[in-house]
């Protein structure tokens, strides 16, 4: 009897998680601090991304855009699985990043009832 073949199939969800995690952890543009998107302080997240973007020689865009793109990428890939508190922290980190680069902060979105 032939040995059992390992199941190499991956669900669509698992593959996406692995792909986005790999991009986040092994970005060719920025060397990110481990766990940067899990930190509680928006200011600390923004400062870390700014430092990474400014020290990178592999990024294609300017440092501000590279750092902002990493936050946006992380938020978009997490989608509905991102808890509201974490999403709020990361949105605040975007504002902190804007402040660090002397860019205007975005205006709060007013939702209609």
PDB file of N, CA and C in Angstrom:
ATOM      1  N   UNK A   1       0.846  -1.175   0.000  1.00  0.00           N
ATOM      2  CA  UNK A   1       0.000   0.000   0.000  1.00  0.00           C
ATOM      3  C   UNK A   1       0.894   1.242   0.000  1.00  0.00           C
ATOM      4  N   UNK A   2       0.572   2.216  -0.836  1.00  0.00           N
ATOM      5  CA  UNK A   2       1.367   3.441  -0.968  1.00  0.00           C
ATOM      6  C   UNK A   2       1.149   4.341   0.242  1.00  0.00           C
ATOM      7  N   UNK A   3       2.195   5.051   0.655  1.00  0.00           N
ATOM      8  CA  UNK A   3       2.019   5.974   1.794  1.00  0.00           C
ATOM      9  C   UNK A   3       1.029   7.078   1.440  1.00  0.00           C
ATOM     10  N   UNK A   4       0.325   7.559   2.433  1.00  0.00           N
ATOM     11  CA  UNK A   4      -0.680   8.610   2.218  1.00  0.00           C
ATOM     12  C   UNK A   4       0.006   9.905   1.802  1.00  0.00           C
ATOM     13  N   UNK A   5      -0.565  10.543   0.827  1.00  0.00           N
ATOM     14  CA  UNK A   5      -0.037  11.823   0.356  1.00  0.00           C
ATOM     15  C   UNK A   5      -0.540  12.922   1.283  1.00  0.00           C
ATOM     16  N   UNK A   6       0.307  13.855   1.660  1.00  0.00           N
ATOM     17  CA  UNK A   6      -0.164  14.967   2.503  1.00  0.00           C
ATOM     18  C   UNK A   6      -1.143  15.844   1.726  1.00  0.00           C
ATOM     19  N   UNK A   7      -2.112  16.381   2.439  1.00  0.00           N
ATOM     20  CA  UNK A   7      -3.104  17.255   1.814  1.00  0.00           C
ATOM     21  C   UNK A   7      -2.476  18.632   1.619  1.00  0.00           C
ATOM     22  N   UNK A   8      -2.230  19.001   0.373  1.00  0.00           N
ATOM     23  CA  UNK A   8      -1.559  20.275   0.092  1.00  0.00           C
ATOM     24  C   UNK A   8      -2.534  21.361  -0.339  1.00  0.00           C
ATOM     25  N   UNK A   9      -3.812  21.052  -0.291  1.00  0.00           N
ATOM     26  CA  UNK A   9      -4.794  22.059  -0.677  1.00  0.00           C
ATOM     27  C   UNK A   9      -4.905  23.124   0.401  1.00  0.00           C
ATOM     28  N   UNK A  10      -5.116  24.342  -0.034  1.00  0.00           N
ATOM     29  CA  UNK A  10      -5.298  25.454   0.903  1.00  0.00           C
ATOM     30  C   UNK A  10      -6.611  26.137   0.569  1.00  0.00           C
ATOM     31  N   UNK A  11      -7.309  26.535   1.598  1.00  0.00           N
ATOM     32  CA  UNK A  11      -8.520  27.289   1.331  1.00  0.00           C
ATOM     33  C   UNK A  11      -8.133  28.666   0.809  1.00  0.00           C
ATOM     34  N   UNK A  12      -9.033  29.304   0.148  1.00  0.00           N
ATOM     35  CA  UNK A  12      -8.785  30.639  -0.387  1.00  0.00           C
ATOM     36  C   UNK A  12      -8.422  31.600   0.741  1.00  0.00           C
ATOM     37  N   UNK A  13      -9.118  31.486   1.856  1.00  0.00           N
ATOM     38  CA  UNK A  13      -8.892  32.378   3.001  1.00  0.00           C
ATOM     39  C   UNK A  13      -7.491  32.187   3.577  1.00  0.00           C
ATOM     40  N   UNK A  14      -7.069  30.953   3.735  1.00  0.00           N
ATOM     41  CA  UNK A  14      -5.755  30.668   4.298  1.00  0.00           C
ATOM     42  C   UNK A  14      -4.657  31.210   3.395  1.00  0.00           C
ATOM     43  N   UNK A  15      -4.807  31.015   2.100  1.00  0.00           N
ATOM     44  CA  UNK A  15      -3.805  31.492   1.157  1.00  0.00           C
ATOM     45  C   UNK A  15      -3.687  33.007   1.223  1.00  0.00           C
ATOM     46  N   UNK A  16      -4.808  33.707   1.287  1.00  0.00           N
ATOM     47  CA  UNK A  16      -4.777  35.160   1.377  1.00  0.00           C
ATOM     48  C   UNK A  16      -4.084  35.607   2.656  1.00  0.00           C
ATOM     49  N   UNK A  17      -4.405  34.953   3.764  1.00  0.00           N
ATOM     50  CA  UNK A  17      -3.781  35.331   5.022  1.00  0.00           C
ATOM     51  C   UNK A  17      -2.274  35.155   4.939  1.00  0.00           C
ATOM     52  N   UNK A  18      -1.841  34.061   4.387  1.00  0.00           N
ATOM     53  CA  UNK A  18      -0.413  33.819   4.276  1.00  0.00           C
ATOM     54  C   UNK A  18       0.242  34.833   3.355  1.00  0.00           C
ATOM     55  N   UNK A  19      -0.417  35.146   2.249  1.00  0.00           N
ATOM     56  CA  UNK A  19       0.147  36.095   1.294  1.00  0.00           C
ATOM     57  C   UNK A  19       0.309  37.471   1.924  1.00  0.00           C
ATOM     58  N   UNK A  20      -0.735  37.979   2.564  1.00  0.00           N
ATOM     59  CA  UNK A  20      -0.649  39.321   3.136  1.00  0.00           C
ATOM     60  C   UNK A  20       0.306  39.363   4.328  1.00  0.00           C
ATOM     61  N   UNK A  21       0.333  38.310   5.102  1.00  0.00           N
ATOM     62  CA  UNK A  21       1.270  38.258   6.227  1.00  0.00           C
ATOM     63  C   UNK A  21       2.705  38.273   5.711  1.00  0.00           C
ATOM     64  N   UNK A  22       2.943  37.531   4.630  1.00  0.00           N
ATOM     65  CA  UNK A  22       4.286  37.494   4.056  1.00  0.00           C
ATOM     66  C   UNK A  22       4.694  38.868   3.542  1.00  0.00           C
ATOM     67  N   UNK A  23       3.779  39.562   2.876  1.00  0.00           N
ATOM     68  CA  UNK A  23       4.092  40.900   2.370  1.00  0.00           C
ATOM     69  C   UNK A  23       4.376  41.848   3.523  1.00  0.00           C
ATOM     70  N   UNK A  24       3.551  41.795   4.556  1.00  0.00           N
ATOM     71  CA  UNK A  24       3.736  42.678   5.703  1.00  0.00           C
ATOM     72  C   UNK A  24       5.070  42.407   6.403  1.00  0.00           C
ATOM     73  N   UNK A  25       5.407  41.132   6.569  1.00  0.00           N
ATOM     74  CA  UNK A  25       6.624  40.780   7.294  1.00  0.00           C
ATOM     75  C   UNK A  25       7.877  40.917   6.444  1.00  0.00           C
ATOM     76  N   UNK A  26       7.761  40.736   5.134  1.00  0.00           N
ATOM     77  CA  UNK A  26       8.942  40.711   4.269  1.00  0.00           C
ATOM     78  C   UNK A  26       8.871  41.750   3.161  1.00  0.00           C
ATOM     79  N   UNK A  27       8.345  42.904   3.463  1.00  0.00           N
ATOM     80  CA  UNK A  27       8.233  43.952   2.462  1.00  0.00           C
ATOM     81  C   UNK A  27       9.597  44.259   1.870  1.00  0.00           C
ATOM     82  N   UNK A  28       9.642  44.354   0.553  1.00  0.00           N
ATOM     83  CA  UNK A  28      10.902  44.692  -0.102  1.00  0.00           C
ATOM     84  C   UNK A  28      11.162  46.196  -0.034  1.00  0.00           C
ATOM     85  N   UNK A  29      10.149  46.956   0.339  1.00  0.00           N
ATOM     86  CA  UNK A  29      10.303  48.403   0.392  1.00  0.00           C
ATOM     87  C   UNK A  29      10.744  48.882   1.769  1.00  0.00           C
ATOM     88  N   UNK A  30      10.212  48.274   2.817  1.00  0.00           N
ATOM     89  CA  UNK A  30      10.496  48.737   4.174  1.00  0.00           C
ATOM     90  C   UNK A  30      10.857  47.579   5.090  1.00  0.00           C
ATOM     91  N   UNK A  31      11.764  47.820   6.000  1.00  0.00           N
ATOM     92  CA  UNK A  31      12.074  46.859   7.057  1.00  0.00           C
ATOM     93  C   UNK A  31      11.282  47.293   8.281  1.00  0.00           C
ATOM     94  N   UNK A  32      10.192  46.587   8.553  1.00  0.00           N
ATOM     95  CA  UNK A  32       9.286  46.973   9.632  1.00  0.00           C
ATOM     96  C   UNK A  32       9.702  46.359  10.957  1.00  0.00           C
ATOM     97  N   UNK A  33       9.445  47.087  12.039  1.00  0.00           N
ATOM     98  CA  UNK A  33       9.655  46.539  13.370  1.00  0.00           C
ATOM     99  C   UNK A  33       8.647  45.420  13.595  1.00  0.00           C
ATOM    100  N   UNK A  34       9.072  44.369  14.252  1.00  0.00           N
ATOM    101  CA  UNK A  34       8.198  43.225  14.510  1.00  0.00           C
ATOM    102  C   UNK A  34       6.966  43.661  15.313  1.00  0.00           C
ATOM    103  N   UNK A  35       5.800  43.312  14.813  1.00  0.00           N
ATOM    104  CA  UNK A  35       4.555  43.590  15.517  1.00  0.00           C
ATOM    105  C   UNK A  35       4.098  45.034  15.486  1.00  0.00           C
ATOM    106  N   UNK A  36       4.657  45.840  14.597  1.00  0.00           N
ATOM    107  CA  UNK A  36       4.361  47.280  14.578  1.00  0.00           C
ATOM    108  C   UNK A  36       2.859  47.566  14.497  1.00  0.00           C
ATOM    109  N   UNK A  37       2.100  46.757  13.769  1.00  0.00           N
ATOM    110  CA  UNK A  37       0.682  47.037  13.608  1.00  0.00           C
ATOM    111  C   UNK A  37      -0.154  46.556  14.790  1.00  0.00           C
ATOM    112  N   UNK A  38       0.465  45.950  15.775  1.00  0.00           N
ATOM    113  CA  UNK A  38      -0.253  45.508  16.973  1.00  0.00           C
ATOM    114  C   UNK A  38      -0.016  46.435  18.154  1.00  0.00           C
ATOM    115  N   UNK A  39       0.884  47.400  17.997  1.00  0.00           N
ATOM    116  CA  UNK A  39       1.172  48.314  19.095  1.00  0.00           C
ATOM    117  C   UNK A  39      -0.052  49.165  19.413  1.00  0.00           C
ATOM    118  N   UNK A  40      -0.148  49.615  20.655  1.00  0.00           N
ATOM    119  CA  UNK A  40      -1.316  50.398  21.098  1.00  0.00           C
ATOM    120  C   UNK A  40      -1.202  51.888  20.805  1.00  0.00           C
ATOM    121  N   UNK A  41       0.016  52.389  20.701  1.00  0.00           N
ATOM    122  CA  UNK A  41       0.219  53.823  20.528  1.00  0.00           C
ATOM    123  C   UNK A  41       0.272  54.215  19.047  1.00  0.00           C
ATOM    124  N   UNK A  42      -0.709  55.004  18.575  1.00  0.00           N
ATOM    125  CA  UNK A  42      -0.678  55.466  17.184  1.00  0.00           C
ATOM    126  C   UNK A  42       0.597  56.251  16.874  1.00  0.00           C
ATOM    127  N   UNK A  43       1.066  57.034  17.832  1.00  0.00           N
ATOM    128  CA  UNK A  43       2.275  57.837  17.636  1.00  0.00           C
ATOM    129  C   UNK A  43       3.500  56.934  17.444  1.00  0.00           C
ATOM    130  N   UNK A  44       3.582  55.890  18.245  1.00  0.00           N
ATOM    131  CA  UNK A  44       4.707  54.958  18.151  1.00  0.00           C
ATOM    132  C   UNK A  44       4.691  54.216  16.811  1.00  0.00           C
ATOM    133  N   UNK A  45       3.507  53.798  16.371  1.00  0.00           N
ATOM    134  CA  UNK A  45       3.366  53.124  15.072  1.00  0.00           C
ATOM    135  C   UNK A  45       3.842  54.058  13.960  1.00  0.00           C
ATOM    136  N   UNK A  46       3.338  55.285  13.988  1.00  0.00           N
ATOM    137  CA  UNK A  46       3.689  56.258  12.949  1.00  0.00           C
ATOM    138  C   UNK A  46       5.186  56.543  12.941  1.00  0.00           C
ATOM    139  N   UNK A  47       5.781  56.717  14.112  1.00  0.00           N
ATOM    140  CA  UNK A  47       7.208  57.012  14.188  1.00  0.00           C
ATOM    141  C   UNK A  47       8.038  55.844  13.662  1.00  0.00           C
ATOM    142  N   UNK A  48       7.638  54.636  13.998  1.00  0.00           N
ATOM    143  CA  UNK A  48       8.355  53.456  13.520  1.00  0.00           C
ATOM    144  C   UNK A  48       8.286  53.350  11.997  1.00  0.00           C
ATOM    145  N   UNK A  49       7.097  53.560  11.423  1.00  0.00           N
ATOM    146  CA  UNK A  49       6.947  53.495   9.966  1.00  0.00           C
ATOM    147  C   UNK A  49       7.730  54.616   9.285  1.00  0.00           C
ATOM    148  N   UNK A  50       7.724  55.785   9.886  1.00  0.00           N
ATOM    149  CA  UNK A  50       8.496  56.910   9.331  1.00  0.00           C
ATOM    150  C   UNK A  50       9.984  56.564   9.326  1.00  0.00           C
ATOM    151  N   UNK A  51      10.477  56.054  10.442  1.00  0.00           N
ATOM    152  CA  UNK A  51      11.890  55.679  10.531  1.00  0.00           C
ATOM    153  C   UNK A  51      12.249  54.612   9.493  1.00  0.00           C
ATOM    154  N   UNK A  52      11.379  53.617   9.355  1.00  0.00           N
ATOM    155  CA  UNK A  52      11.622  52.545   8.380  1.00  0.00           C
ATOM    156  C   UNK A  52      11.631  53.077   6.960  1.00  0.00           C
ATOM    157  N   UNK A  53      10.680  53.948   6.644  1.00  0.00           N
ATOM    158  CA  UNK A  53      10.580  54.494   5.290  1.00  0.00           C
ATOM    159  C   UNK A  53      11.779  55.370   4.956  1.00  0.00           C
ATOM    160  N   UNK A  54      12.208  56.159   5.913  1.00  0.00           N
ATOM    161  CA  UNK A  54      13.320  57.070   5.648  1.00  0.00           C
ATOM    162  C   UNK A  54      14.667  56.349   5.569  1.00  0.00           C
ATOM    163  N   UNK A  55      14.789  55.212   6.220  1.00  0.00           N
ATOM    164  CA  UNK A  55      16.057  54.490   6.170  1.00  0.00           C
ATOM    165  C   UNK A  55      16.126  53.491   5.013  1.00  0.00           C
ATOM    166  N   UNK A  56      15.001  53.261   4.356  1.00  0.00           N
ATOM    167  CA  UNK A  56      14.965  52.290   3.257  1.00  0.00           C
ATOM    168  C   UNK A  56      15.554  52.870   1.975  1.00  0.00           C
ATOM    169  N   UNK A  57      16.356  52.054   1.312  1.00  0.00           N
ATOM    170  CA  UNK A  57      16.906  52.443   0.014  1.00  0.00           C
ATOM    171  C   UNK A  57      16.219  51.684  -1.110  1.00  0.00           C
ATOM    172  N   UNK A  58      15.216  50.856  -0.736  1.00  0.00           N
ATOM    173  CA  UNK A  58      14.535  50.016  -1.728  1.00  0.00           C
ATOM    174  C   UNK A  58      13.151  50.510  -2.079  1.00  0.00           C
ATOM    175  N   UNK A  59      12.647  51.495  -1.377  1.00  0.00           N
ATOM    176  CA  UNK A  59      11.279  51.961  -1.639  1.00  0.00           C
ATOM    177  C   UNK A  59      11.215  52.671  -2.984  1.00  0.00           C
ATOM    178  N   UNK A  60      10.021  52.672  -3.571  1.00  0.00           N
ATOM    179  CA  UNK A  60       9.841  53.296  -4.883  1.00  0.00           C
ATOM    180  C   UNK A  60       9.247  54.699  -4.769  1.00  0.00           C
ATOM    181  N   UNK A  61       8.473  54.933  -3.730  1.00  0.00           N
ATOM    182  CA  UNK A  61       7.821  56.233  -3.537  1.00  0.00           C
ATOM    183  C   UNK A  61       8.577  57.024  -2.469  1.00  0.00           C
ATOM    184  N   UNK A  62       8.107  58.253  -2.221  1.00  0.00           N
ATOM    185  CA  UNK A  62       8.714  59.049  -1.163  1.00  0.00           C
ATOM    186  C   UNK A  62       8.390  58.401   0.198  1.00  0.00           C
ATOM    187  N   UNK A  63       9.154  58.731   1.244  1.00  0.00           N
ATOM    188  CA  UNK A  63       8.967  58.073   2.545  1.00  0.00           C
ATOM    189  C   UNK A  63       7.541  58.172   3.092  1.00  0.00           C
ATOM    190  N   UNK A  64       6.917  59.339   2.981  1.00  0.00           N
ATOM    191  CA  UNK A  64       5.555  59.489   3.496  1.00  0.00           C
ATOM    192  C   UNK A  64       4.606  58.510   2.821  1.00  0.00           C
ATOM    193  N   UNK A  65       4.638  58.458   1.516  1.00  0.00           N
ATOM    194  CA  UNK A  65       3.736  57.568   0.770  1.00  0.00           C
ATOM    195  C   UNK A  65       4.019  56.104   1.066  1.00  0.00           C
ATOM    196  N   UNK A  66       5.278  55.741   1.202  1.00  0.00           N
ATOM    197  CA  UNK A  66       5.617  54.351   1.516  1.00  0.00           C
ATOM    198  C   UNK A  66       5.075  53.947   2.884  1.00  0.00           C
ATOM    199  N   UNK A  67       5.263  54.806   3.880  1.00  0.00           N
ATOM    200  CA  UNK A  67       4.789  54.510   5.231  1.00  0.00           C
ATOM    201  C   UNK A  67       3.261  54.459   5.270  1.00  0.00           C
ATOM    202  N   UNK A  68       2.610  55.425   4.638  1.00  0.00           N
ATOM    203  CA  UNK A  68       1.145  55.458   4.611  1.00  0.00           C
ATOM    204  C   UNK A  68       0.592  54.235   3.880  1.00  0.00           C
ATOM    205  N   UNK A  69       1.262  53.834   2.825  1.00  0.00           N
ATOM    206  CA  UNK A  69       0.822  52.666   2.059  1.00  0.00           C
ATOM    207  C   UNK A  69       0.863  51.395   2.894  1.00  0.00           C
ATOM    208  N   UNK A  70       1.846  51.271   3.771  1.00  0.00           N
ATOM    209  CA  UNK A  70       1.930  50.076   4.608  1.00  0.00           C
ATOM    210  C   UNK A  70       0.773  50.008   5.594  1.00  0.00           C
ATOM    211  N   UNK A  71       0.389  51.128   6.181  1.00  0.00           N
ATOM    212  CA  UNK A  71      -0.766  51.131   7.091  1.00  0.00           C
ATOM    213  C   UNK A  71      -2.028  50.782   6.307  1.00  0.00           C
ATOM    214  N   UNK A  72      -2.210  51.442   5.182  1.00  0.00           N
ATOM    215  CA  UNK A  72      -3.410  51.218   4.368  1.00  0.00           C
ATOM    216  C   UNK A  72      -3.474  49.763   3.907  1.00  0.00           C
ATOM    217  N   UNK A  73      -2.352  49.220   3.476  1.00  0.00           N
ATOM    218  CA  UNK A  73      -2.296  47.824   3.046  1.00  0.00           C
ATOM    219  C   UNK A  73      -2.742  46.905   4.171  1.00  0.00           C
ATOM    220  N   UNK A  74      -2.211  47.123   5.367  1.00  0.00           N
ATOM    221  CA  UNK A  74      -2.544  46.276   6.503  1.00  0.00           C
ATOM    222  C   UNK A  74      -4.036  46.354   6.829  1.00  0.00           C
ATOM    223  N   UNK A  75      -4.576  47.553   6.868  1.00  0.00           N
ATOM    224  CA  UNK A  75      -6.002  47.742   7.179  1.00  0.00           C
ATOM    225  C   UNK A  75      -6.871  47.080   6.117  1.00  0.00           C
ATOM    226  N   UNK A  76      -6.543  47.282   4.861  1.00  0.00           N
ATOM    227  CA  UNK A  76      -7.343  46.711   3.777  1.00  0.00           C
ATOM    228  C   UNK A  76      -7.280  45.186   3.753  1.00  0.00           C
ATOM    229  N   UNK A  77      -6.112  44.625   4.002  1.00  0.00           N
ATOM    230  CA  UNK A  77      -5.989  43.159   3.972  1.00  0.00           C
ATOM    231  C   UNK A  77      -6.715  42.527   5.147  1.00  0.00           C
ATOM    232  N   UNK A  78      -6.746  43.202   6.290  1.00  0.00           N
ATOM    233  CA  UNK A  78      -7.449  42.655   7.451  1.00  0.00           C
ATOM    234  C   UNK A  78      -8.952  42.695   7.237  1.00  0.00           C
ATOM    235  N   UNK A  79      -9.424  43.699   6.529  1.00  0.00           N
ATOM    236  CA  UNK A  79     -10.842  43.803   6.197  1.00  0.00           C
ATOM    237  C   UNK A  79     -11.753  43.770   7.408  1.00  0.00           C
ATOM    238  N   UNK A  80     -12.810  42.976   7.296  1.00  0.00           N
ATOM    239  CA  UNK A  80     -13.807  42.900   8.367  1.00  0.00           C
ATOM    240  C   UNK A  80     -13.279  42.179   9.603  1.00  0.00           C
ATOM    241  N   UNK A  81     -12.181  41.455   9.461  1.00  0.00           N
ATOM    242  CA  UNK A  81     -11.608  40.738  10.605  1.00  0.00           C
ATOM    243  C   UNK A  81     -10.869  41.668  11.571  1.00  0.00           C
ATOM    244  N   UNK A  82     -10.637  42.907  11.159  1.00  0.00           N
ATOM    245  CA  UNK A  82      -9.917  43.859  12.007  1.00  0.00           C
ATOM    246  C   UNK A  82     -10.889  44.440  13.035  1.00  0.00           C
ATOM    247  N   UNK A  83     -10.620  44.235  14.321  1.00  0.00           N
ATOM    248  CA  UNK A  83     -11.513  44.780  15.356  1.00  0.00           C
ATOM    249  C   UNK A  83     -11.586  46.309  15.276  1.00  0.00           C
ATOM    250  N   UNK A  84     -12.722  46.858  15.658  1.00  0.00           N
ATOM    251  CA  UNK A  84     -12.954  48.302  15.569  1.00  0.00           C
ATOM    252  C   UNK A  84     -11.893  49.093  16.344  1.00  0.00           C
ATOM    253  N   UNK A  85     -11.486  48.604  17.494  1.00  0.00           N
ATOM    254  CA  UNK A  85     -10.482  49.310  18.300  1.00  0.00           C
ATOM    255  C   UNK A  85      -9.133  49.363  17.574  1.00  0.00           C
ATOM    256  N   UNK A  86      -8.742  48.253  16.952  1.00  0.00           N
ATOM    257  CA  UNK A  86      -7.472  48.200  16.218  1.00  0.00           C
ATOM    258  C   UNK A  86      -7.537  49.098  14.994  1.00  0.00           C
ATOM    259  N   UNK A  87      -8.680  49.073  14.280  1.00  0.00           N
ATOM    260  CA  UNK A  87      -8.863  49.932  13.108  1.00  0.00           C
ATOM    261  C   UNK A  87      -8.757  51.401  13.513  1.00  0.00           C
ATOM    262  N   UNK A  88      -9.364  51.751  14.629  1.00  0.00           N
ATOM    263  CA  UNK A  88      -9.317  53.118  15.132  1.00  0.00           C
ATOM    264  C   UNK A  88      -7.876  53.536  15.452  1.00  0.00           C
ATOM    265  N   UNK A  89      -7.123  52.640  16.072  1.00  0.00           N
ATOM    266  CA  UNK A  89      -5.721  52.929  16.390  1.00  0.00           C
ATOM    267  C   UNK A  89      -4.915  53.156  15.122  1.00  0.00           C
ATOM    268  N   UNK A  90      -5.136  52.322  14.111  1.00  0.00           N
ATOM    269  CA  UNK A  90      -4.385  52.451  12.863  1.00  0.00           C
ATOM    270  C   UNK A  90      -4.793  53.696  12.082  1.00  0.00           C
ATOM    271  N   UNK A  91      -6.063  54.066  12.136  1.00  0.00           N
ATOM    272  CA  UNK A  91      -6.498  55.317  11.494  1.00  0.00           C
ATOM    273  C   UNK A  91      -5.862  56.507  12.210  1.00  0.00           C
ATOM    274  N   UNK A  92      -5.768  56.423  13.543  1.00  0.00           N
ATOM    275  CA  UNK A  92      -5.106  57.484  14.305  1.00  0.00           C
ATOM    276  C   UNK A  92      -3.613  57.526  13.963  1.00  0.00           C
ATOM    277  N   UNK A  93      -3.016  56.365  13.694  1.00  0.00           N
ATOM    278  CA  UNK A  93      -1.607  56.318  13.299  1.00  0.00           C
ATOM    279  C   UNK A  93      -1.402  57.030  11.963  1.00  0.00           C
ATOM    280  N   UNK A  94      -2.378  56.945  11.072  1.00  0.00           N
ATOM    281  CA  UNK A  94      -2.294  57.673   9.803  1.00  0.00           C
ATOM    282  C   UNK A  94      -2.247  59.176  10.066  1.00  0.00           C
ATOM    283  N   UNK A  95      -3.099  59.641  10.968  1.00  0.00           N
ATOM    284  CA  UNK A  95      -3.091  61.071  11.316  1.00  0.00           C
ATOM    285  C   UNK A  95      -1.763  61.474  11.964  1.00  0.00           C
ATOM    286  N   UNK A  96      -1.233  60.608  12.821  1.00  0.00           N
ATOM    287  CA  UNK A  96       0.063  60.890  13.443  1.00  0.00           C
ATOM    288  C   UNK A  96       1.163  60.948  12.390  1.00  0.00           C
ATOM    289  N   UNK A  97       1.102  60.068  11.410  1.00  0.00           N
ATOM    290  CA  UNK A  97       2.083  60.062  10.329  1.00  0.00           C
ATOM    291  C   UNK A  97       1.994  61.350   9.522  1.00  0.00           C
ATOM    292  N   UNK A  98       0.766  61.787   9.256  1.00  0.00           N
ATOM    293  CA  UNK A  98       0.584  63.059   8.551  1.00  0.00           C
ATOM    294  C   UNK A  98       1.217  64.200   9.349  1.00  0.00           C
ATOM    295  N   UNK A  99       0.999  64.196  10.655  1.00  0.00           N
ATOM    296  CA  UNK A  99       1.548  65.249  11.513  1.00  0.00           C
ATOM    297  C   UNK A  99       3.079  65.215  11.500  1.00  0.00           C
ATOM    298  N   UNK A 100       3.661  64.024  11.551  1.00  0.00           N
ATOM    299  CA  UNK A 100       5.115  63.897  11.536  1.00  0.00           C
ATOM    300  C   UNK A 100       5.729  64.451  10.254  1.00  0.00           C
ATOM    301  N   UNK A 101       4.969  64.386   9.167  1.00  0.00           N
ATOM    302  CA  UNK A 101       5.460  64.887   7.881  1.00  0.00           C
ATOM    303  C   UNK A 101       4.923  66.281   7.553  1.00  0.00           C
ATOM    304  N   UNK A 102       4.228  66.907   8.514  1.00  0.00           N
ATOM    305  CA  UNK A 102       3.717  68.261   8.296  1.00  0.00           C
ATOM    306  C   UNK A 102       2.606  68.320   7.257  1.00  0.00           C
ATOM    307  N   UNK A 103       1.885  67.248   7.125  1.00  0.00           N
ATOM    308  CA  UNK A 103       0.761  67.202   6.189  1.00  0.00           C
ATOM    309  C   UNK A 103      -0.526  67.427   6.970  1.00  0.00           C
ATOM    310  N   UNK A 104      -1.542  67.990   6.319  1.00  0.00           N
ATOM    311  CA  UNK A 104      -2.797  68.228   7.058  1.00  0.00           C
ATOM    312  C   UNK A 104      -3.466  66.915   7.452  1.00  0.00           C
ATOM    313  N   UNK A 105      -4.022  66.916   8.642  1.00  0.00           N
ATOM    314  CA  UNK A 105      -4.780  65.744   9.093  1.00  0.00           C
ATOM    315  C   UNK A 105      -6.089  65.694   8.331  1.00  0.00           C
ATOM    316  N   UNK A 106      -6.599  64.500   8.165  1.00  0.00           N
ATOM    317  CA  UNK A 106      -7.873  64.378   7.441  1.00  0.00           C
ATOM    318  C   UNK A 106      -9.007  64.840   8.348  1.00  0.00           C
ATOM    319  N   UNK A 107     -10.064  65.279   7.739  1.00  0.00           N
ATOM    320  CA  UNK A 107     -11.234  65.699   8.505  1.00  0.00           C
ATOM    321  C   UNK A 107     -12.054  64.477   8.865  1.00  0.00           C
ATOM    322  N   UNK A 108     -12.665  64.466  10.053  1.00  0.00           N
ATOM    323  CA  UNK A 108     -13.479  63.317  10.426  1.00  0.00           C
ATOM    324  C   UNK A 108     -14.641  63.154   9.451  1.00  0.00           C
ATOM    325  N   UNK A 109     -14.998  61.924   9.211  1.00  0.00           N
ATOM    326  CA  UNK A 109     -16.111  61.636   8.305  1.00  0.00           C
ATOM    327  C   UNK A 109     -17.399  61.734   9.121  1.00  0.00           C
ATOM    328  N   UNK A 110     -18.324  62.519   8.606  1.00  0.00           N
ATOM    329  CA  UNK A 110     -19.621  62.647   9.267  1.00  0.00           C
ATOM    330  C   UNK A 110     -20.575  61.683   8.603  1.00  0.00           C
ATOM    331  N   UNK A 111     -21.075  60.759   9.396  1.00  0.00           N
ATOM    332  CA  UNK A 111     -21.986  59.754   8.848  1.00  0.00           C
ATOM    333  C   UNK A 111     -23.417  60.216   9.017  1.00  0.00           C
ATOM    334  N   UNK A 112     -24.191  59.943   7.983  1.00  0.00           N
ATOM    335  CA  UNK A 112     -25.622  60.275   8.057  1.00  0.00           C
ATOM    336  C   UNK A 112     -26.367  59.168   8.751  1.00  0.00           C
ATOM    337  N   UNK A 113     -27.393  59.553   9.466  1.00  0.00           N
ATOM    338  CA  UNK A 113     -28.228  58.553  10.161  1.00  0.00           C
ATOM    339  C   UNK A 113     -29.361  58.094   9.291  1.00  0.00           C
TER     340      UNK A 113
END
